[in-house]
Amino acid sequence: MASNAVRANYFYCVRLTNPAIRTAIQDALEWMVDKEPQYKNFCYTPEMIHVTLCEVALQNEEDISRAAEALKSSESVLRQNLPSSALTIKGITTFNNIVMIADVEYQEDFR
């Protein structure tokens, strides 16, 4: 049965730039790849590590432009409402067996 659902093809994210977090992630990835070398192709570099906030389906350049404008126009509101609670990693999975991702627990202010 074919699905008529439109698949997400873009995402909004926040890059993790804290050097201590990046170092800890790099150390964990190196340990994991040392134990299981096949995971090497699943790992992002520390500079690519991010928290995905939401996924969107954008079908053409007009959709992309409108999404970019919406994000730009809401930047100040988004910044004012950034969550302050910590995120907790509760497991690791993959996205389509291509990219390794962490399952994250978050508090109510992150919704």
Protein backbone atom coordinates (compact mmCIF):
# COMPACT_ATOMS: atom_id res chain seq x y z
CA MET A 1 0.00 0.00 0.00
CA ALA A 2 1.50 3.32 -1.07
CA SER A 3 1.50 6.18 1.42
CA ASN A 4 0.34 9.65 0.41
CA ALA A 5 2.18 11.20 3.35
CA VAL A 6 4.81 13.77 2.47
CA ARG A 7 8.17 12.86 3.99
CA ALA A 8 10.29 15.34 5.87
CA ASN A 9 13.34 16.34 3.88
CA TYR A 10 14.73 19.25 5.95
CA PHE A 11 15.15 19.87 9.65
CA TYR A 12 15.69 22.73 12.06
CA CYS A 13 18.46 22.16 14.55
CA VAL A 14 20.72 23.76 17.13
CA ARG A 15 24.42 22.98 16.82
CA LEU A 16 26.24 21.99 19.99
CA THR A 17 29.17 24.37 20.30
CA ASN A 18 30.23 23.88 23.92
CA PRO A 19 33.86 22.64 23.74
CA ALA A 20 33.44 20.36 26.77
CA ILE A 21 30.39 18.67 25.23
CA ARG A 22 32.14 18.28 21.88
CA THR A 23 35.19 16.75 23.55
CA ALA A 24 33.05 14.33 25.56
CA ILE A 25 31.15 13.31 22.44
CA GLN A 26 34.39 12.85 20.48
CA ASP A 27 35.83 10.72 23.28
CA ALA A 28 32.67 8.58 23.36
CA LEU A 29 32.66 8.16 19.58
CA GLU A 30 36.33 7.18 19.52
CA TRP A 31 35.75 4.63 22.30
CA MET A 32 32.75 3.20 20.48
CA VAL A 33 34.50 2.96 17.11
CA ASP A 34 37.51 1.36 18.81
CA LYS A 35 35.20 -1.34 20.21
CA GLU A 36 32.98 -1.64 17.12
CA PRO A 37 34.76 -0.33 13.96
CA GLN A 38 31.67 -0.80 11.78
CA TYR A 39 30.11 2.21 13.56
CA LYS A 40 32.66 4.58 12.06
CA ASN A 41 30.45 5.34 9.05
CA PHE A 42 27.54 6.26 11.34
CA CYS A 43 29.37 8.94 13.31
CA TYR A 44 29.21 12.69 12.83
CA THR A 45 32.24 14.82 13.49
CA PRO A 46 31.98 16.91 16.68
CA GLU A 47 31.39 20.01 14.53
CA MET A 48 28.28 18.38 13.04
CA ILE A 49 26.69 17.36 16.35
CA HIS A 50 23.31 19.01 16.83
CA VAL A 51 19.91 18.72 18.44
CA THR A 52 17.14 18.39 15.86
CA LEU A 53 14.19 20.54 16.90
CA CYS A 54 11.76 19.54 14.17
CA GLU A 55 11.53 18.11 10.68
CA VAL A 56 9.71 19.74 7.77
CA ALA A 57 8.68 18.74 4.26
CA LEU A 58 9.71 21.41 1.77
CA GLN A 59 8.86 20.57 -1.81
CA ASN A 60 10.35 23.45 -3.80
CA GLU A 61 12.38 26.67 -3.64
CA GLU A 62 9.31 28.68 -2.65
CA ASP A 63 8.72 26.40 0.36
CA ILE A 64 12.38 26.74 1.33
CA SER A 65 12.25 30.54 1.05
CA ARG A 66 9.06 30.74 3.11
CA ALA A 67 10.48 28.46 5.79
CA ALA A 68 13.69 30.49 5.98
CA GLU A 69 11.73 33.73 6.25
CA ALA A 70 9.47 32.28 8.96
CA LEU A 71 12.49 31.20 10.96
CA LYS A 72 14.19 34.55 10.51
CA SER A 73 11.09 36.52 11.53
CA SER A 74 10.59 34.40 14.67
CA GLU A 75 14.23 34.41 15.80
CA SER A 76 13.78 36.84 18.70
CA VAL A 77 10.76 34.95 20.06
CA LEU A 78 12.58 31.64 19.76
CA ARG A 79 15.66 33.01 21.53
CA GLN A 80 13.53 34.42 24.37
CA ASN A 81 11.93 31.02 24.90
CA LEU A 82 14.98 28.78 24.79
CA PRO A 83 14.72 25.97 27.34
CA SER A 84 17.11 25.99 30.26
CA SER A 85 16.78 22.38 31.38
CA ALA A 86 19.42 19.77 30.64
CA LEU A 87 18.98 17.04 28.07
CA THR A 88 19.75 13.47 29.10
CA ILE A 89 20.85 10.80 26.63
CA LYS A 90 18.86 7.64 27.31
CA GLY A 91 19.95 5.45 24.41
CA ILE A 92 21.38 5.29 20.92
CA THR A 93 19.62 4.34 17.69
CA THR A 94 20.10 5.04 13.99
CA PHE A 95 18.17 7.08 11.46
CA ASN A 96 17.44 4.80 8.49
CA ASN A 97 20.56 2.80 9.41
CA ILE A 98 22.62 5.69 8.06
CA VAL A 99 23.23 8.12 10.93
CA MET A 100 23.68 7.30 14.60
CA ILE A 101 21.40 9.31 16.86
CA ALA A 102 20.94 9.62 20.60
CA ASP A 103 17.53 9.19 22.16
CA VAL A 104 17.11 12.17 24.44
CA GLU A 105 14.99 12.78 27.52
CA TYR A 106 13.96 16.36 28.04
CA GLN A 107 11.98 18.42 30.52
CA GLU A 108 8.68 20.16 29.88
CA ASP A 109 10.36 23.51 29.01
CA PHE A 110 11.94 21.91 25.95
CA ARG A 111 8.59 21.24 24.24
